[in-house]
Amino acid sequence: MRNTARWAATLALTATAVCGPLTGSALAAPDAAPASLYAPSALVLTLAHGDTAALASPARAVTLSCAPTASGTHPAPAAACAELRGLNGDFDSLRASEGVMCTKQYDPVVVTVDGVWQGKRVSYERTFANECVKGSFGTSLFAF
């Protein structure tokens, strides 16, 4: 049941983040110029404690929209969008920062990202050994 609630929350946040900016476009004249030339970039990021997202309910969830401007409920949307642009939207290219020392305590934290990045559907899940290890990957994207 917790997994169903997690997916319902994720889908609701994704729909709000992706479709919210589009609500006014239906009222525009058919020959009117588009309001934006940017491909949509709207994401829902969740954090849960556990080995996989399927087995854990989210502890936190934020939205992040990067086009045309950085916005959302993420605490640092401009920095997170800049970091994501530097990765070209490739979450797998995130690497741990040099010199970060973390304990070997195993207290898994899983981060998921679902939504649209520059017009393409993305879905990402990564499990970190603990909160410190998660914090060593990137500077602001997963800091929520």
C-alpha atoms as a PDB file:
ATOM      1  CA  MET A   1       0.000   0.000   0.000  1.00  0.00           C
ATOM      2  CA  ARG A   2       2.888   2.346   0.775  1.00  0.00           C
ATOM      3  CA  ASN A   3       4.243   1.829  -2.750  1.00  0.00           C
ATOM      4  CA  THR A   4       0.869   2.792  -4.238  1.00  0.00           C
ATOM      5  CA  ALA A   5       0.802   5.974  -2.165  1.00  0.00           C
ATOM      6  CA  ARG A   6       4.362   6.794  -3.249  1.00  0.00           C
ATOM      7  CA  TRP A   7       3.524   6.434  -6.933  1.00  0.00           C
ATOM      8  CA  ALA A   8       0.296   8.402  -6.549  1.00  0.00           C
ATOM      9  CA  ALA A   9       2.192  11.266  -4.907  1.00  0.00           C
ATOM     10  CA  THR A  10       4.935  11.134  -7.543  1.00  0.00           C
ATOM     11  CA  LEU A  11       2.446  11.154 -10.414  1.00  0.00           C
ATOM     12  CA  ALA A  12       0.466  14.014  -8.887  1.00  0.00           C
ATOM     13  CA  LEU A  13       3.582  16.134  -8.389  1.00  0.00           C
ATOM     14  CA  THR A  14       4.836  15.302 -11.902  1.00  0.00           C
ATOM     15  CA  ALA A  15       1.504  16.224 -13.466  1.00  0.00           C
ATOM     16  CA  THR A  16       1.433  19.502 -11.556  1.00  0.00           C
ATOM     17  CA  ALA A  17       5.025  20.371 -12.462  1.00  0.00           C
ATOM     18  CA  VAL A  18       4.685  19.453 -16.142  1.00  0.00           C
ATOM     19  CA  CYS A  19       1.120  20.526 -16.891  1.00  0.00           C
ATOM     20  CA  GLY A  20       0.858  23.558 -14.587  1.00  0.00           C
ATOM     21  CA  PRO A  21       2.708  25.944 -16.927  1.00  0.00           C
ATOM     22  CA  LEU A  22       0.660  24.687 -19.894  1.00  0.00           C
ATOM     23  CA  THR A  23      -2.779  25.554 -18.519  1.00  0.00           C
ATOM     24  CA  GLY A  24      -2.930  29.019 -20.111  1.00  0.00           C
ATOM     25  CA  SER A  25      -1.935  27.841 -23.599  1.00  0.00           C
ATOM     26  CA  ALA A  26      -5.419  26.557 -24.460  1.00  0.00           C
ATOM     27  CA  LEU A  27      -6.762  30.105 -24.274  1.00  0.00           C
ATOM     28  CA  ALA A  28      -4.298  31.502 -26.828  1.00  0.00           C
ATOM     29  CA  ALA A  29      -5.366  32.259 -30.377  1.00  0.00           C
ATOM     30  CA  PRO A  30      -4.495  29.500 -32.863  1.00  0.00           C
ATOM     31  CA  ASP A  31      -2.142  31.778 -34.822  1.00  0.00           C
ATOM     32  CA  ALA A  32      -0.461  33.244 -31.716  1.00  0.00           C
ATOM     33  CA  ALA A  33       3.272  32.691 -31.222  1.00  0.00           C
ATOM     34  CA  PRO A  34       4.205  30.107 -28.606  1.00  0.00           C
ATOM     35  CA  ALA A  35       4.752  31.535 -25.121  1.00  0.00           C
ATOM     36  CA  SER A  36       8.108  29.776 -24.803  1.00  0.00           C
ATOM     37  CA  LEU A  37      10.701  28.304 -27.116  1.00  0.00           C
ATOM     38  CA  TYR A  38      12.202  26.168 -24.347  1.00  0.00           C
ATOM     39  CA  ALA A  39      11.734  22.427 -24.161  1.00  0.00           C
ATOM     40  CA  PRO A  40      10.007  21.559 -20.886  1.00  0.00           C
ATOM     41  CA  SER A  41      12.205  20.558 -17.973  1.00  0.00           C
ATOM     42  CA  ALA A  42      10.136  19.663 -14.923  1.00  0.00           C
ATOM     43  CA  LEU A  43      11.164  17.011 -12.424  1.00  0.00           C
ATOM     44  CA  VAL A  44       9.932  15.466  -9.190  1.00  0.00           C
ATOM     45  CA  LEU A  45      12.719  14.358  -6.859  1.00  0.00           C
ATOM     46  CA  THR A  46      11.999  12.083  -3.906  1.00  0.00           C
ATOM     47  CA  LEU A  47      14.092  10.824  -1.021  1.00  0.00           C
ATOM     48  CA  ALA A  48      13.305   7.695   0.985  1.00  0.00           C
ATOM     49  CA  HIS A  49      15.058   5.556   3.561  1.00  0.00           C
ATOM     50  CA  GLY A  50      15.528   1.985   2.372  1.00  0.00           C
ATOM     51  CA  ASP A  51      17.216  -0.178  -0.244  1.00  0.00           C
ATOM     52  CA  THR A  52      14.837   0.562  -3.140  1.00  0.00           C
ATOM     53  CA  ALA A  53      12.073   3.036  -3.850  1.00  0.00           C
ATOM     54  CA  ALA A  54       9.633   0.160  -4.277  1.00  0.00           C
ATOM     55  CA  LEU A  55      10.180  -0.914  -0.655  1.00  0.00           C
ATOM     56  CA  ALA A  56      10.259   2.528   0.967  1.00  0.00           C
ATOM     57  CA  SER A  57       7.809   5.388   1.174  1.00  0.00           C
ATOM     58  CA  PRO A  58       9.192   8.838   0.362  1.00  0.00           C
ATOM     59  CA  ALA A  59      10.300  10.937   3.309  1.00  0.00           C
ATOM     60  CA  ARG A  60      10.549  14.078   1.153  1.00  0.00           C
ATOM     61  CA  ALA A  61       9.577  15.170  -2.345  1.00  0.00           C
ATOM     62  CA  VAL A  62      10.351  18.374  -4.241  1.00  0.00           C
ATOM     63  CA  THR A  63       9.637  19.748  -7.696  1.00  0.00           C
ATOM     64  CA  LEU A  64      12.247  21.305  -9.949  1.00  0.00           C
ATOM     65  CA  SER A  65      11.514  23.193 -13.148  1.00  0.00           C
ATOM     66  CA  CYS A  66      14.497  24.472 -15.146  1.00  0.00           C
ATOM     67  CA  ALA A  67      13.019  26.090 -18.263  1.00  0.00           C
ATOM     68  CA  PRO A  68      12.591  28.920 -18.964  1.00  0.00           C
ATOM     69  CA  THR A  69      13.697  29.833 -15.427  1.00  0.00           C
ATOM     70  CA  ALA A  70      14.613  27.785 -12.371  1.00  0.00           C
ATOM     71  CA  SER A  71      11.684  27.313  -9.999  1.00  0.00           C
ATOM     72  CA  GLY A  72       9.878  24.739  -7.902  1.00  0.00           C
ATOM     73  CA  THR A  73       9.818  23.619  -4.291  1.00  0.00           C
ATOM     74  CA  HIS A  74      13.489  22.567  -4.377  1.00  0.00           C
ATOM     75  CA  PRO A  75      15.377  24.680  -1.786  1.00  0.00           C
ATOM     76  CA  ALA A  76      17.981  25.834  -4.360  1.00  0.00           C
ATOM     77  CA  PRO A  77      16.387  25.544  -7.818  1.00  0.00           C
ATOM     78  CA  ALA A  78      18.889  27.773  -9.662  1.00  0.00           C
ATOM     79  CA  ALA A  79      21.916  25.859  -8.346  1.00  0.00           C
ATOM     80  CA  ALA A  80      20.265  22.469  -8.937  1.00  0.00           C
ATOM     81  CA  CYS A  81      19.327  23.414 -12.531  1.00  0.00           C
ATOM     82  CA  ALA A  82      22.852  24.691 -13.201  1.00  0.00           C
ATOM     83  CA  GLU A  83      24.306  21.435 -11.877  1.00  0.00           C
ATOM     84  CA  LEU A  84      21.905  19.403 -14.010  1.00  0.00           C
ATOM     85  CA  ARG A  85      22.726  21.443 -17.124  1.00  0.00           C
ATOM     86  CA  GLY A  86      26.430  20.807 -16.465  1.00  0.00           C
ATOM     87  CA  LEU A  87      25.654  17.070 -16.511  1.00  0.00           C
ATOM     88  CA  ASN A  88      23.573  17.433 -19.716  1.00  0.00           C
ATOM     89  CA  GLY A  89      20.740  15.794 -17.787  1.00  0.00           C
ATOM     90  CA  ASP A  90      22.746  12.571 -17.288  1.00  0.00           C
ATOM     91  CA  PHE A  91      22.191  11.615 -13.650  1.00  0.00           C
ATOM     92  CA  ASP A  92      24.502   8.596 -14.021  1.00  0.00           C
ATOM     93  CA  SER A  93      27.449  10.942 -14.561  1.00  0.00           C
ATOM     94  CA  LEU A  94      27.177  12.281 -10.989  1.00  0.00           C
ATOM     95  CA  ARG A  95      30.359  11.471  -9.080  1.00  0.00           C
ATOM     96  CA  ALA A  96      31.316  11.773  -5.429  1.00  0.00           C
ATOM     97  CA  SER A  97      33.273  14.885  -4.506  1.00  0.00           C
ATOM     98  CA  GLU A  98      36.973  14.439  -3.767  1.00  0.00           C
ATOM     99  CA  GLY A  99      38.052  14.375  -0.134  1.00  0.00           C
ATOM    100  CA  VAL A 100      34.637  13.727   1.445  1.00  0.00           C
ATOM    101  CA  MET A 101      34.975  11.356   4.384  1.00  0.00           C
ATOM    102  CA  CYS A 102      31.915   9.281   5.327  1.00  0.00           C
ATOM    103  CA  THR A 103      31.422   6.435   7.789  1.00  0.00           C
ATOM    104  CA  LYS A 104      30.812   2.934   6.494  1.00  0.00           C
ATOM    105  CA  GLN A 105      27.532   2.714   8.399  1.00  0.00           C
ATOM    106  CA  TYR A 106      24.876   1.152   6.168  1.00  0.00           C
ATOM    107  CA  ASP A 107      21.675   3.163   6.474  1.00  0.00           C
ATOM    108  CA  PRO A 108      20.462   3.226   2.839  1.00  0.00           C
ATOM    109  CA  VAL A 109      18.912   6.312   1.289  1.00  0.00           C
ATOM    110  CA  VAL A 110      17.250   6.122  -2.117  1.00  0.00           C
ATOM    111  CA  VAL A 111      16.709   9.101  -4.426  1.00  0.00           C
ATOM    112  CA  THR A 112      14.340   9.029  -7.394  1.00  0.00           C
ATOM    113  CA  VAL A 113      13.869  11.527 -10.207  1.00  0.00           C
ATOM    114  CA  ASP A 114      10.854  11.392 -12.511  1.00  0.00           C
ATOM    115  CA  GLY A 115       9.645  13.873 -15.093  1.00  0.00           C
ATOM    116  CA  VAL A 116      10.837  15.589 -18.251  1.00  0.00           C
ATOM    117  CA  TRP A 117      14.313  16.973 -18.976  1.00  0.00           C
ATOM    118  CA  GLN A 118      14.578  19.150 -22.096  1.00  0.00           C
ATOM    119  CA  GLY A 119      11.520  17.498 -23.603  1.00  0.00           C
ATOM    120  CA  LYS A 120      12.594  13.895 -22.902  1.00  0.00           C
ATOM    121  CA  ARG A 121      11.040  11.609 -20.292  1.00  0.00           C
ATOM    122  CA  VAL A 122      13.465  10.681 -17.487  1.00  0.00           C
ATOM    123  CA  SER A 123      13.264   8.194 -14.654  1.00  0.00           C
ATOM    124  CA  TYR A 124      16.214   7.671 -12.320  1.00  0.00           C
ATOM    125  CA  GLU A 125      16.744   5.817  -9.060  1.00  0.00           C
ATOM    126  CA  ARG A 126      19.914   5.551  -7.010  1.00  0.00           C
ATOM    127  CA  THR A 127      20.564   4.048  -3.592  1.00  0.00           C
ATOM    128  CA  PHE A 128      23.327   5.523  -1.437  1.00  0.00           C
ATOM    129  CA  ALA A 129      24.876   3.728   1.553  1.00  0.00           C
ATOM    130  CA  ASN A 130      23.931   6.590   3.909  1.00  0.00           C
ATOM    131  CA  GLU A 131      23.012  10.280   3.986  1.00  0.00           C
ATOM    132  CA  CYS A 132      26.671  11.387   4.004  1.00  0.00           C
ATOM    133  CA  VAL A 133      27.444   9.440   0.827  1.00  0.00           C
ATOM    134  CA  LYS A 134      24.351  10.947  -0.846  1.00  0.00           C
ATOM    135  CA  GLY A 135      25.560  14.408   0.140  1.00  0.00           C
ATOM    136  CA  SER A 136      28.944  13.785  -1.475  1.00  0.00           C
ATOM    137  CA  PHE A 137      27.302  13.348  -4.907  1.00  0.00           C
ATOM    138  CA  GLY A 138      26.725  16.772  -6.387  1.00  0.00           C
ATOM    139  CA  THR A 139      26.479  19.975  -4.483  1.00  0.00           C
ATOM    140  CA  SER A 140      22.825  20.948  -4.637  1.00  0.00           C
ATOM    141  CA  LEU A 141      20.752  18.619  -6.817  1.00  0.00           C
ATOM    142  CA  PHE A 142      20.065  16.079  -4.072  1.00  0.00           C
ATOM    143  CA  ALA A 143      20.241  18.597  -1.191  1.00  0.00           C
ATOM    144  CA  PHE A 144      16.579  18.709  -0.210  1.00  0.00           C
END
